[in-house]
Amino acid sequence: MVEGYWGTMVALKGTDIEHVSFDKALGQLKTVPQNRYDEAAVLFG
């Protein structure tokens, strides 16, 4: 049973699963670089 983790979510950091606060996870806009979109387009069309 998990207790005391209100206002958090789980996140994968490398190979570790950690609890992070919503503020830390969602507090800023995270963008994907254009080269990653280009790589995905090659794989998925």
N, C-alpha and C. Protein backbone atom coordinates (compact mmCIF):
# COMPACT_ATOMS: atom_id res chain seq x y z
N MET A 1 0.84 -1.19 0.00
CA MET A 1 0.00 0.00 0.00
C MET A 1 0.88 1.24 0.00
N VAL A 2 0.60 2.17 -0.90
CA VAL A 2 1.39 3.39 -1.01
C VAL A 2 0.67 4.49 -0.25
N GLU A 3 1.38 5.13 0.65
CA GLU A 3 0.79 6.22 1.42
C GLU A 3 1.68 7.45 1.33
N GLY A 4 1.07 8.61 1.39
CA GLY A 4 1.84 9.84 1.42
C GLY A 4 2.30 10.34 0.07
N TYR A 5 1.71 9.86 -1.00
CA TYR A 5 2.14 10.27 -2.32
C TYR A 5 1.09 11.09 -3.06
N TRP A 6 0.21 11.78 -2.33
CA TRP A 6 -0.78 12.65 -2.96
C TRP A 6 -0.07 13.77 -3.69
N GLY A 7 -0.57 14.12 -4.87
CA GLY A 7 0.03 15.21 -5.65
C GLY A 7 1.29 14.82 -6.37
N THR A 8 1.50 13.51 -6.53
CA THR A 8 2.67 13.04 -7.25
C THR A 8 2.25 12.07 -8.35
N MET A 9 3.18 11.77 -9.21
CA MET A 9 2.98 10.76 -10.25
C MET A 9 4.26 9.96 -10.36
N VAL A 10 4.19 8.83 -11.01
CA VAL A 10 5.41 8.05 -11.22
C VAL A 10 6.04 8.45 -12.54
N ALA A 11 7.35 8.38 -12.57
CA ALA A 11 8.10 8.73 -13.77
C ALA A 11 9.26 7.76 -13.92
N LEU A 12 9.62 7.49 -15.15
CA LEU A 12 10.76 6.64 -15.44
C LEU A 12 11.97 7.53 -15.70
N LYS A 13 13.00 7.35 -14.87
CA LYS A 13 14.26 8.07 -15.03
C LYS A 13 15.34 7.03 -15.26
N GLY A 14 15.74 6.90 -16.52
CA GLY A 14 16.67 5.83 -16.86
C GLY A 14 15.96 4.50 -16.67
N THR A 15 16.45 3.69 -15.73
CA THR A 15 15.79 2.41 -15.43
C THR A 15 15.10 2.43 -14.07
N ASP A 16 15.04 3.60 -13.43
CA ASP A 16 14.41 3.72 -12.12
C ASP A 16 13.02 4.32 -12.24
N ILE A 17 12.10 3.81 -11.43
CA ILE A 17 10.76 4.38 -11.34
C ILE A 17 10.73 5.21 -10.08
N GLU A 18 10.37 6.49 -10.21
CA GLU A 18 10.39 7.42 -9.09
C GLU A 18 9.07 8.17 -9.00
N HIS A 19 8.77 8.66 -7.80
CA HIS A 19 7.64 9.56 -7.61
C HIS A 19 8.14 10.98 -7.82
N VAL A 20 7.43 11.77 -8.61
CA VAL A 20 7.77 13.18 -8.81
C VAL A 20 6.52 14.01 -8.58
N SER A 21 6.71 15.23 -8.11
CA SER A 21 5.57 16.11 -7.88
C SER A 21 4.99 16.56 -9.22
N PHE A 22 3.70 16.88 -9.22
CA PHE A 22 3.07 17.39 -10.43
C PHE A 22 3.76 18.67 -10.89
N ASP A 23 4.17 19.51 -9.93
CA ASP A 23 4.85 20.76 -10.29
C ASP A 23 6.13 20.48 -11.07
N LYS A 24 6.90 19.52 -10.61
CA LYS A 24 8.15 19.20 -11.30
C LYS A 24 7.87 18.56 -12.66
N ALA A 25 6.86 17.71 -12.73
CA ALA A 25 6.58 17.00 -13.98
C ALA A 25 5.88 17.90 -15.00
N LEU A 26 5.02 18.80 -14.54
CA LEU A 26 4.17 19.56 -15.45
C LEU A 26 4.42 21.05 -15.41
N GLY A 27 5.38 21.51 -14.64
CA GLY A 27 5.58 22.92 -14.39
C GLY A 27 6.09 23.74 -15.56
N GLN A 28 6.62 23.10 -16.56
CA GLN A 28 7.15 23.86 -17.70
C GLN A 28 6.83 23.12 -18.99
N LEU A 29 6.79 23.85 -20.05
CA LEU A 29 6.53 23.27 -21.36
C LEU A 29 7.72 22.45 -21.81
N LYS A 30 7.47 21.22 -22.18
CA LYS A 30 8.53 20.35 -22.68
C LYS A 30 8.28 20.15 -24.18
N THR A 31 9.29 20.36 -24.97
CA THR A 31 9.14 20.27 -26.41
C THR A 31 9.99 19.12 -26.95
N VAL A 32 9.65 18.69 -28.14
CA VAL A 32 10.39 17.64 -28.82
C VAL A 32 11.16 18.31 -29.96
N PRO A 33 12.48 18.11 -30.02
CA PRO A 33 13.26 18.71 -31.09
C PRO A 33 12.81 18.21 -32.47
N GLN A 34 12.91 19.04 -33.46
CA GLN A 34 12.48 18.70 -34.82
C GLN A 34 13.15 17.45 -35.34
N ASN A 35 14.42 17.23 -35.00
CA ASN A 35 15.11 16.04 -35.51
C ASN A 35 14.47 14.75 -35.00
N ARG A 36 13.84 14.77 -33.83
CA ARG A 36 13.14 13.58 -33.34
C ARG A 36 11.89 13.29 -34.16
N TYR A 37 11.17 14.36 -34.55
CA TYR A 37 10.02 14.18 -35.44
C TYR A 37 10.47 13.61 -36.78
N ASP A 38 11.58 14.11 -37.29
CA ASP A 38 12.10 13.63 -38.56
C ASP A 38 12.48 12.14 -38.48
N GLU A 39 13.08 11.73 -37.36
CA GLU A 39 13.43 10.32 -37.17
C GLU A 39 12.17 9.46 -37.14
N ALA A 40 11.15 9.92 -36.44
CA ALA A 40 9.89 9.17 -36.34
C ALA A 40 9.21 9.06 -37.69
N ALA A 41 9.29 10.11 -38.50
CA ALA A 41 8.67 10.10 -39.81
C ALA A 41 9.29 9.02 -40.71
N VAL A 42 10.59 8.82 -40.56
CA VAL A 42 11.26 7.78 -41.34
C VAL A 42 10.74 6.40 -40.93
N LEU A 43 10.52 6.21 -39.64
CA LEU A 43 10.09 4.91 -39.14
C LEU A 43 8.59 4.65 -39.35
N PHE A 44 7.78 5.69 -39.17
CA PHE A 44 6.33 5.49 -39.15
C PHE A 44 5.58 6.17 -40.29
N GLY A 45 6.26 6.95 -41.07
CA GLY A 45 5.62 7.59 -42.22
C GLY A 45 4.89 8.86 -41.96
